[in-house]
Amino acid sequence: MKRAHIILALGLLALLLAPGLLDAPAAAQGTNLLTNPGFEPPYPGDNNGGASGWVRWHRESSADQFGDCTNGYHKQPRWGQATDFVYEGSSSQYIGNNWDTWSAGMWQTVSVTPGATYRFSFWARGRGAMEGAPAPSNTGLNMKLRAGIDPNGSGLWSDGDVVWSAAGNAHDQWVQFSVEATATGDKITVFTSANWAEAGVNQCYKFLDTYYDAASLVELGPPPTNTPPPPPPATNTPLATATPAATATPTLTPTATPTETPSPVPGGRICVNAFDDQNANGVQDESEGFIAGVTFTVASSEAMVGQAISAGGAEPTCFDNVPAGAYQVAQLVPGRLEMTTAGSATITINPGDDVGLNFGSRLRPADVANTGTASTDTVASNDALPTADPDAVATAVPAAPADEGGMSLATVGGLVLVAAAVVLLGVLLFVLLRRQTG
């Protein structure tokens, strides 16, 4: 009988512990899959200024292009740890150059679930100027910041499979860039990218700097669902136009000659605006107004068509005479805002079309806002940063992931369950021993 009680107690303990053991390996939904997403130290010497866990990449033009800045050439920049411009944490990844235009970034390959969709995002800011800080950035310069995902995990920025976000600028402010893609295998590669080169334009300024921080790679959901998340509302209905004033009907005469019908407009028009989606439901309610400071970009697969910033009023921003074709329209929100609709939408323009898009965003809740660590007083000097070795291989193997520490809710719950089971087992053994001695 005593043996039966002991077996019963051990069996009960096993049942209590089993769920925790089975659930322990499961990853929490929305987990950031990146190694060192905040570009924190160390910055190993053999990574030539790149943060641990990340790999540098850059484009290099032929040397005969370097003599003329209007060639839009690419020359190897410098990488380093920055502490003066930080979005969160203690440091950010710096990439920049003096006088020479460049195109470069960081990349990281991550193990994923084939067929699942992922979103990669990061915060970036840039500065192009002839003078050091606190002189402002020249907003006429184009730094073409982008986020990219290679769904097959090749680790090559030039791979034709890379899905890129729309390009945008981040002059003297932190702007989030993001892109989504579906994994075709068990690995994907994510890229940060900037490109200061502009063919036909002299962008060879003394300071051509960018900073990257707070990157994130999260799984959006299981493999394909029946209904993909809706893009921001889009309509192909013509925009309202003023009714022309009535004119007197001319008197017909035998010599009247019919006029030629005007040719149709060769392109279309894209109008965009940003609304203040206070309840984050993705729809502009009657009580919700408009919001200022959101950057809009319109880009084809070959080039950017235009860029504008919302003014905060009901009047939309319009891009006229857009050639027929497919375009990606994207919103880039400053640090104090968060998106409540999709970050971009792909549309098709036909001659004479008027397409309207309304993007939603709102002020970040106070308990998750984290903009107090950004400094606008000084900028890390290029001269103070390590110079990259021109002979170094840009595709060095990233450092092994560091244990970021901390306990998840599942871990804490498991420890509580184990403690409860031990207490229960002790009570059962105490009762059995009392019966034995009694």
Protein backbone atom coordinates (compact mmCIF):
# COMPACT_ATOMS: atom_id res chain seq x y z
CA MET A 1 0.00 0.00 0.00
CA LYS A 2 2.82 2.38 0.92
CA ARG A 3 4.54 1.54 -2.36
CA ALA A 4 1.36 2.37 -4.28
CA HIS A 5 1.15 5.77 -2.60
CA ILE A 6 4.76 6.55 -3.51
CA ILE A 7 4.21 5.53 -7.16
CA LEU A 8 1.08 7.70 -7.24
CA ALA A 9 3.01 10.68 -5.88
CA LEU A 10 5.82 10.29 -8.43
CA GLY A 11 3.29 9.95 -11.25
CA LEU A 12 1.54 13.14 -10.17
CA LEU A 13 4.87 14.97 -10.11
CA ALA A 14 5.64 13.78 -13.65
CA LEU A 15 2.26 15.02 -14.91
CA LEU A 16 2.85 18.43 -13.36
CA LEU A 17 6.31 18.81 -14.83
CA ALA A 18 5.59 17.42 -18.30
CA PRO A 19 3.69 20.43 -19.73
CA GLY A 20 6.47 22.80 -18.75
CA LEU A 21 9.10 20.54 -20.29
CA LEU A 22 7.14 20.18 -23.51
CA ASP A 23 6.46 23.90 -23.83
CA ALA A 24 9.96 25.10 -22.98
CA PRO A 25 11.42 25.02 -26.52
CA ALA A 26 8.52 26.97 -28.05
CA ALA A 27 9.45 30.51 -29.12
CA ALA A 28 7.25 33.39 -28.08
CA GLN A 29 5.26 34.97 -30.89
CA GLY A 30 6.78 38.21 -32.15
CA THR A 31 10.30 37.32 -30.95
CA ASN A 32 13.07 39.39 -32.52
CA LEU A 33 15.16 36.84 -34.43
CA LEU A 34 18.21 39.05 -34.98
CA THR A 35 21.54 38.78 -33.22
CA ASN A 36 22.53 42.11 -31.64
CA PRO A 37 19.58 44.04 -33.13
CA GLY A 38 20.65 47.22 -31.32
CA PHE A 39 24.17 47.30 -32.83
CA GLU A 40 25.64 47.27 -29.33
CA PRO A 41 29.31 46.54 -28.50
CA PRO A 42 31.54 44.73 -29.06
CA TYR A 43 32.76 46.01 -32.42
CA PRO A 44 35.45 43.36 -33.11
CA GLY A 45 38.65 44.50 -34.78
CA ASP A 46 38.40 41.81 -37.43
CA ASN A 47 34.96 43.16 -38.44
CA ASN A 48 36.50 46.53 -39.40
CA GLY A 49 34.00 48.76 -37.62
CA GLY A 50 30.97 46.50 -37.93
CA ALA A 51 28.92 45.55 -34.86
CA SER A 52 29.14 41.98 -33.59
CA GLY A 53 26.68 39.66 -35.35
CA TRP A 54 26.53 41.80 -38.50
CA VAL A 55 28.51 41.75 -41.75
CA ARG A 56 29.56 44.76 -43.84
CA TRP A 57 28.83 45.11 -47.56
CA HIS A 58 29.51 47.86 -50.11
CA ARG A 59 29.55 48.64 -53.81
CA GLU A 60 32.76 49.68 -55.54
CA SER A 61 32.96 51.56 -58.85
CA SER A 62 35.94 51.35 -61.21
CA ALA A 63 38.73 53.78 -60.34
CA ASP A 64 38.31 55.73 -63.58
CA GLN A 65 34.94 57.01 -62.29
CA PHE A 66 36.36 58.65 -59.17
CA GLY A 67 37.51 61.88 -60.83
CA ASP A 68 34.00 63.27 -61.47
CA CYS A 69 31.33 63.36 -58.75
CA THR A 70 28.54 63.65 -61.33
CA ASN A 71 29.37 60.10 -62.44
CA GLY A 72 27.49 58.92 -59.36
CA TYR A 73 30.33 56.62 -58.36
CA HIS A 74 30.53 54.35 -55.31
CA LYS A 75 33.62 54.30 -53.11
CA GLN A 76 34.17 52.20 -50.01
CA PRO A 77 32.97 54.07 -46.89
CA ARG A 78 33.95 53.63 -43.25
CA TRP A 79 32.14 51.73 -40.51
CA GLY A 80 32.29 52.31 -36.77
CA GLN A 81 30.51 52.51 -33.42
CA ALA A 82 28.61 55.77 -32.84
CA THR A 83 27.54 57.05 -29.43
CA ASP A 84 26.42 60.61 -30.25
CA PHE A 85 23.43 59.60 -32.38
CA VAL A 86 21.58 56.71 -30.71
CA TYR A 87 17.93 55.73 -31.02
CA GLU A 88 18.02 53.30 -28.08
CA GLY A 89 20.67 51.54 -26.02
CA SER A 90 24.25 52.80 -25.84
CA SER A 91 25.40 52.86 -29.47
CA SER A 92 24.41 52.75 -33.12
CA GLN A 93 26.10 51.52 -36.30
CA TYR A 94 27.84 54.31 -38.19
CA ILE A 95 28.55 54.17 -41.95
CA GLY A 96 29.89 57.24 -43.73
CA ASN A 97 32.53 58.94 -45.81
CA ASN A 98 34.21 62.30 -46.50
CA TRP A 99 33.83 63.82 -49.98
CA ASP A 100 33.22 60.51 -51.81
CA THR A 101 29.73 59.12 -52.50
CA TRP A 102 29.07 55.55 -51.47
CA SER A 103 26.54 52.70 -51.31
CA ALA A 104 26.82 50.23 -48.44
CA GLY A 105 25.18 48.68 -45.41
CA MET A 106 25.08 45.72 -43.04
CA TRP A 107 23.61 42.23 -43.41
CA GLN A 108 22.78 39.20 -41.31
CA THR A 109 21.52 35.70 -42.20
CA VAL A 110 18.93 34.13 -39.87
CA SER A 111 17.35 30.66 -39.61
CA VAL A 112 13.60 30.78 -40.28
CA THR A 113 10.55 28.65 -41.10
CA PRO A 114 10.12 27.99 -44.85
CA GLY A 115 6.91 29.55 -46.19
CA ALA A 116 6.47 31.97 -43.27
CA THR A 117 6.34 35.73 -43.83
CA TYR A 118 8.76 38.04 -42.00
CA ARG A 119 9.10 41.78 -41.45
CA PHE A 120 12.54 43.38 -41.20
CA SER A 121 12.76 46.94 -39.92
CA PHE A 122 15.34 49.33 -38.53
CA TRP A 123 15.65 52.98 -37.52
CA ALA A 124 18.06 55.21 -39.42
CA ARG A 125 19.11 58.83 -39.62
CA GLY A 126 21.51 60.61 -41.94
CA ARG A 127 23.41 63.82 -42.44
CA GLY A 128 24.92 65.34 -45.58
CA ALA A 129 26.68 68.67 -45.09
CA MET A 130 29.78 70.73 -45.76
CA GLU A 131 30.07 71.75 -42.10
CA GLY A 132 30.21 69.75 -38.91
CA ALA A 133 27.37 69.53 -36.41
CA PRO A 134 25.30 71.33 -35.29
CA ALA A 135 25.00 72.62 -38.87
CA PRO A 136 21.87 71.03 -40.40
CA SER A 137 21.83 68.37 -43.08
CA ASN A 138 21.27 69.54 -46.66
CA THR A 139 17.79 68.18 -47.38
CA GLY A 140 18.40 68.48 -51.11
CA LEU A 141 20.77 65.51 -50.95
CA ASN A 142 19.40 62.03 -51.56
CA MET A 143 20.70 59.24 -49.30
CA LYS A 144 18.26 56.54 -50.55
CA LEU A 145 17.92 54.48 -47.37
CA ARG A 146 16.25 51.06 -47.80
CA ALA A 147 15.52 47.81 -45.96
CA GLY A 148 15.94 44.51 -47.79
CA ILE A 149 15.19 40.80 -47.35
CA ASP A 150 16.67 38.00 -49.46
CA PRO A 151 14.07 35.20 -49.07
CA ASN A 152 16.60 32.50 -49.96
CA GLY A 153 19.31 33.67 -47.55
CA SER A 154 22.14 34.04 -50.08
CA GLY A 155 23.93 36.81 -48.17
CA LEU A 156 24.39 38.78 -51.43
CA TRP A 157 23.02 42.33 -51.62
CA SER A 158 23.13 42.07 -55.43
CA ASP A 159 20.95 38.93 -55.59
CA GLY A 160 17.98 39.52 -57.89
CA ASP A 161 15.67 37.87 -55.34
CA VAL A 162 16.19 40.58 -52.71
CA VAL A 163 12.93 42.35 -51.82
CA TRP A 164 13.66 46.03 -51.17
CA SER A 165 11.52 48.65 -49.48
CA ALA A 166 10.95 52.02 -51.10
CA ALA A 167 13.95 54.33 -50.72
CA GLY A 168 13.76 57.43 -48.55
CA ASN A 169 15.72 60.04 -46.63
CA ALA A 170 16.17 60.68 -42.91
CA HIS A 171 17.78 64.11 -42.62
CA ASP A 172 18.54 64.91 -38.96
CA GLN A 173 15.77 62.65 -37.64
CA TRP A 174 15.20 58.98 -36.90
CA VAL A 175 13.00 57.29 -39.51
CA GLN A 176 11.91 53.64 -39.57
CA PHE A 177 12.35 51.59 -42.74
CA SER A 178 10.70 48.17 -43.12
CA VAL A 179 10.04 45.46 -45.69
CA GLU A 180 8.18 42.14 -45.71
CA ALA A 181 8.96 38.91 -47.57
CA THR A 182 8.08 35.20 -47.49
CA ALA A 183 10.94 32.77 -46.83
CA THR A 184 11.61 30.31 -49.66
CA GLY A 185 13.96 28.19 -47.55
CA ASP A 186 15.15 27.75 -43.98
CA LYS A 187 17.26 30.94 -44.01
CA ILE A 188 16.78 34.57 -45.01
CA THR A 189 19.23 37.47 -45.19
CA VAL A 190 18.33 41.00 -44.09
CA PHE A 191 20.08 44.15 -45.34
CA THR A 192 20.39 47.78 -44.34
CA SER A 193 21.25 49.98 -47.32
CA ALA A 194 22.11 53.57 -48.18
CA ASN A 195 23.20 55.04 -51.52
CA TRP A 196 24.54 58.62 -51.68
CA ALA A 197 25.49 58.40 -55.38
CA GLU A 198 23.28 60.29 -57.83
CA ALA A 199 24.21 60.24 -61.53
CA GLY A 200 24.35 63.75 -62.97
CA VAL A 201 24.38 65.40 -59.52
CA ASN A 202 27.37 66.41 -57.41
CA GLN A 203 26.71 64.94 -53.95
CA CYS A 204 30.38 64.83 -52.91
CA TYR A 205 29.93 66.67 -49.61
CA LYS A 206 32.39 66.67 -46.72
CA PHE A 207 30.05 64.71 -44.44
CA LEU A 208 27.98 61.86 -45.90
CA ASP A 209 26.95 60.00 -42.75
CA THR A 210 24.27 57.48 -41.75
CA TYR A 211 23.38 55.76 -38.46
CA TYR A 212 21.41 52.55 -37.83
CA ASP A 213 19.75 51.28 -34.65
CA ALA A 214 16.91 49.19 -33.17
CA ALA A 215 16.62 46.60 -35.94
CA SER A 216 13.93 43.91 -35.77
CA LEU A 217 13.05 40.71 -37.63
CA VAL A 218 9.75 39.11 -36.63
CA GLU A 219 7.55 36.39 -38.06
CA LEU A 220 4.19 37.80 -39.11
CA GLY A 221 2.27 34.55 -39.15
CA PRO A 222 2.05 30.99 -40.43
CA PRO A 223 2.43 30.08 -44.12
CA PRO A 224 -0.05 31.67 -46.53
CA THR A 225 -3.41 32.71 -45.15
CA ASN A 226 -6.63 33.04 -47.10
CA THR A 227 -6.89 36.78 -46.60
CA PRO A 228 -3.66 38.85 -46.59
CA PRO A 229 -3.63 41.98 -44.40
CA PRO A 230 -5.32 44.87 -46.23
CA PRO A 231 -3.21 47.72 -47.61
CA PRO A 232 -4.18 51.31 -46.86
CA PRO A 233 -7.48 52.22 -48.54
CA ALA A 234 -7.00 52.90 -52.25
CA THR A 235 -9.52 54.13 -54.77
CA ASN A 236 -9.39 54.61 -58.50
CA THR A 237 -12.25 57.12 -58.47
CA PRO A 238 -11.38 60.52 -59.99
CA LEU A 239 -10.60 63.26 -57.51
CA ALA A 240 -13.13 66.07 -57.19
CA THR A 241 -12.57 68.95 -59.59
CA ALA A 242 -14.16 72.35 -59.82
CA THR A 243 -17.14 72.60 -62.21
CA PRO A 244 -16.27 75.05 -64.99
CA ALA A 245 -18.47 78.11 -65.25
CA ALA A 246 -21.18 78.00 -67.92
CA THR A 247 -20.31 79.77 -71.16
CA ALA A 248 -22.53 81.10 -73.90
CA THR A 249 -23.09 78.79 -76.85
CA PRO A 250 -21.32 80.26 -79.88
CA THR A 251 -23.39 81.03 -82.99
CA LEU A 252 -22.75 78.51 -85.74
CA THR A 253 -21.62 79.91 -89.05
CA PRO A 254 -21.02 78.13 -92.35
CA THR A 255 -17.30 78.75 -92.02
CA ALA A 256 -16.93 77.18 -88.55
CA THR A 257 -14.10 74.61 -88.39
CA PRO A 258 -14.22 71.80 -85.79
CA THR A 259 -11.39 71.93 -83.23
CA GLU A 260 -9.10 68.98 -82.60
CA THR A 261 -9.82 66.79 -79.61
CA PRO A 262 -7.00 67.29 -77.05
CA SER A 263 -4.69 64.33 -76.57
CA PRO A 264 -5.17 62.37 -73.34
CA VAL A 265 -2.80 63.04 -70.48
CA PRO A 266 0.20 60.72 -71.00
CA GLY A 267 0.39 59.75 -67.33
CA GLY A 268 -1.69 59.58 -64.20
CA ARG A 269 -1.76 61.16 -60.77
CA ILE A 270 -1.09 59.69 -57.32
CA CYS A 271 -2.40 61.55 -54.26
CA VAL A 272 -1.46 60.56 -50.70
CA ASN A 273 -2.24 61.74 -47.19
CA ALA A 274 -1.69 60.63 -43.59
CA PHE A 275 -4.54 60.43 -41.08
CA ASP A 276 -4.34 60.37 -37.30
CA ASP A 277 -5.56 56.85 -36.52
CA GLN A 278 -6.02 57.38 -32.78
CA ASN A 279 -7.80 54.06 -32.15
CA ALA A 280 -5.43 52.12 -34.45
CA ASN A 281 -8.25 50.40 -36.35
CA GLY A 282 -6.73 51.13 -39.77
CA VAL A 283 -9.70 53.26 -40.88
CA GLN A 284 -10.13 57.03 -40.71
CA ASP A 285 -13.13 57.61 -38.45
CA GLU A 286 -15.19 60.78 -38.56
CA SER A 287 -13.54 62.17 -35.44
CA GLU A 288 -9.98 61.55 -36.66
CA GLY A 289 -8.06 64.27 -38.45
CA PHE A 290 -4.76 64.31 -40.30
CA ILE A 291 -1.17 64.11 -39.15
CA ALA A 292 1.96 65.98 -40.25
CA GLY A 293 5.55 64.85 -40.63
CA VAL A 294 4.98 61.56 -42.49
CA THR A 295 7.26 61.10 -45.50
CA PHE A 296 5.76 59.58 -48.65
CA THR A 297 7.82 57.97 -51.41
CA VAL A 298 6.66 56.83 -54.84
CA ALA A 299 9.02 54.48 -56.64
CA SER A 300 9.03 52.16 -59.63
CA SER A 301 11.27 49.11 -59.93
CA GLU A 302 13.90 51.33 -61.56
CA ALA A 303 13.84 54.69 -59.80
CA MET A 304 12.16 56.94 -57.28
CA VAL A 305 9.44 59.10 -58.82
CA GLY A 306 8.95 61.52 -55.97
CA GLN A 307 9.03 62.21 -52.25
CA ALA A 308 6.97 64.53 -50.06
CA ILE A 309 6.05 65.15 -46.41
CA SER A 310 2.48 65.37 -45.13
CA ALA A 311 1.37 68.83 -44.00
CA GLY A 312 -1.30 67.69 -41.53
CA GLY A 313 -4.32 69.02 -43.45
CA ALA A 314 -7.15 67.53 -45.49
CA GLU A 315 -5.50 68.54 -48.77
CA PRO A 316 -3.52 65.52 -50.05
CA THR A 317 -0.06 65.61 -51.58
CA CYS A 318 -0.24 64.74 -55.29
CA PHE A 319 2.34 63.52 -57.79
CA ASP A 320 1.28 64.56 -61.30
CA ASN A 321 2.12 63.16 -64.73
CA VAL A 322 3.25 59.81 -63.36
CA PRO A 323 4.05 57.52 -66.33
CA ALA A 324 1.90 54.43 -66.73
CA GLY A 325 3.23 51.41 -64.84
CA ALA A 326 3.46 49.72 -61.45
CA TYR A 327 4.60 51.69 -58.39
CA GLN A 328 5.22 51.16 -54.69
CA VAL A 329 3.91 53.97 -52.51
CA ALA A 330 5.30 53.93 -48.97
CA GLN A 331 5.03 55.91 -45.76
CA LEU A 332 8.06 56.58 -43.55
CA VAL A 333 7.10 57.73 -40.07
CA PRO A 334 9.29 59.72 -37.64
CA GLY A 335 10.24 58.24 -34.29
CA ARG A 336 7.28 59.62 -32.35
CA LEU A 337 4.75 57.83 -34.58
CA GLU A 338 3.79 54.22 -35.24
CA MET A 339 2.05 52.85 -38.35
CA THR A 340 -1.51 51.53 -38.04
CA THR A 341 -1.94 50.53 -41.70
CA ALA A 342 0.43 48.69 -44.02
CA GLY A 343 3.65 50.59 -44.59
CA SER A 344 3.38 50.44 -48.37
CA ALA A 345 1.01 49.63 -51.22
CA THR A 346 1.65 48.55 -54.81
CA ILE A 347 -0.55 50.24 -57.40
CA THR A 348 -0.85 50.32 -61.19
CA ILE A 349 -1.22 53.63 -63.04
CA ASN A 350 -2.85 53.93 -66.46
CA PRO A 351 -2.99 57.14 -68.53
CA GLY A 352 -5.48 59.57 -66.99
CA ASP A 353 -5.85 57.66 -63.68
CA ASP A 354 -6.26 59.46 -60.35
CA VAL A 355 -5.32 57.13 -57.48
CA GLY A 356 -5.76 58.14 -53.85
CA LEU A 357 -4.05 56.52 -50.85
CA ASN A 358 -4.64 57.29 -47.19
CA PHE A 359 -2.04 55.97 -44.73
CA GLY A 360 -2.69 55.66 -41.00
CA SER A 361 -0.37 56.34 -38.07
CA ARG A 362 -0.62 57.62 -34.52
CA LEU A 363 1.51 58.93 -31.67
CA ARG A 364 3.24 56.13 -29.81
CA PRO A 365 1.77 55.33 -26.37
CA ALA A 366 3.80 56.91 -23.58
CA ASP A 367 4.75 53.55 -22.06
CA VAL A 368 6.50 52.36 -25.22
CA ALA A 369 7.97 55.66 -26.44
CA ASN A 370 11.74 55.56 -26.44
CA THR A 371 13.14 58.64 -28.07
CA GLY A 372 14.85 60.27 -25.11
CA THR A 373 18.29 58.83 -25.84
CA ALA A 374 18.73 60.49 -29.21
CA SER A 375 21.16 63.40 -29.23
CA THR A 376 20.94 66.27 -31.72
CA ASP A 377 23.88 68.28 -30.42
CA THR A 378 26.91 66.55 -31.88
CA VAL A 379 27.75 64.01 -34.54
CA ALA A 380 30.44 61.39 -34.44
CA SER A 381 33.42 62.64 -36.43
CA ASN A 382 34.57 60.53 -39.36
CA ASP A 383 38.13 61.17 -38.30
CA ALA A 384 37.48 59.56 -34.91
CA LEU A 385 36.20 56.34 -36.43
CA PRO A 386 38.38 53.40 -37.54
CA THR A 387 39.27 53.33 -41.23
CA ALA A 388 38.26 50.11 -42.96
CA ASP A 389 41.08 48.05 -44.43
CA PRO A 390 40.62 48.18 -48.25
CA ASP A 391 41.94 44.63 -48.50
CA ALA A 392 39.54 43.24 -45.91
CA VAL A 393 36.91 40.81 -47.13
CA ALA A 394 33.48 42.44 -46.79
CA THR A 395 31.73 39.11 -46.27
CA ALA A 396 33.45 37.96 -43.09
CA VAL A 397 31.56 35.39 -41.03
CA PRO A 398 29.57 37.17 -38.30
CA ALA A 399 30.40 36.53 -34.68
CA ALA A 400 28.49 33.83 -32.85
CA PRO A 401 25.24 35.07 -31.29
CA ALA A 402 25.64 36.33 -27.78
CA ASP A 403 23.31 35.26 -24.99
CA GLU A 404 21.21 38.35 -24.37
CA GLY A 405 20.09 37.06 -21.00
CA GLY A 406 16.76 37.59 -19.27
CA MET A 407 13.87 35.21 -18.59
CA SER A 408 10.79 34.81 -20.70
CA LEU A 409 7.33 34.44 -19.15
CA ALA A 410 7.39 30.77 -20.12
CA THR A 411 10.62 30.24 -18.17
CA VAL A 412 9.29 31.99 -15.07
CA GLY A 413 6.06 30.04 -15.28
CA GLY A 414 7.98 26.78 -15.56
CA LEU A 415 10.02 27.55 -12.43
CA VAL A 416 6.85 28.35 -10.47
CA LEU A 417 5.31 25.07 -11.62
CA VAL A 418 8.38 23.09 -10.58
CA ALA A 419 8.38 24.74 -7.13
CA ALA A 420 4.69 23.93 -6.64
CA ALA A 421 5.26 20.32 -7.66
CA VAL A 422 8.14 19.94 -5.19
CA VAL A 423 6.01 21.35 -2.35
CA LEU A 424 3.14 19.00 -3.23
CA LEU A 425 5.47 16.00 -3.33
CA GLY A 426 6.86 16.95 0.08
CA VAL A 427 3.35 17.10 1.56
CA LEU A 428 2.48 13.66 0.14
CA LEU A 429 5.69 12.10 1.48
CA PHE A 430 5.06 13.70 4.88
CA VAL A 431 1.57 12.16 5.03
CA LEU A 432 2.92 8.74 4.02
CA LEU A 433 5.65 8.86 6.67
CA ARG A 434 3.11 9.82 9.37
CA ARG A 435 0.95 6.85 8.44
CA GLN A 436 3.97 4.56 8.52
CA THR A 437 5.04 5.72 11.99
CA GLY A 438 1.44 5.70 13.21
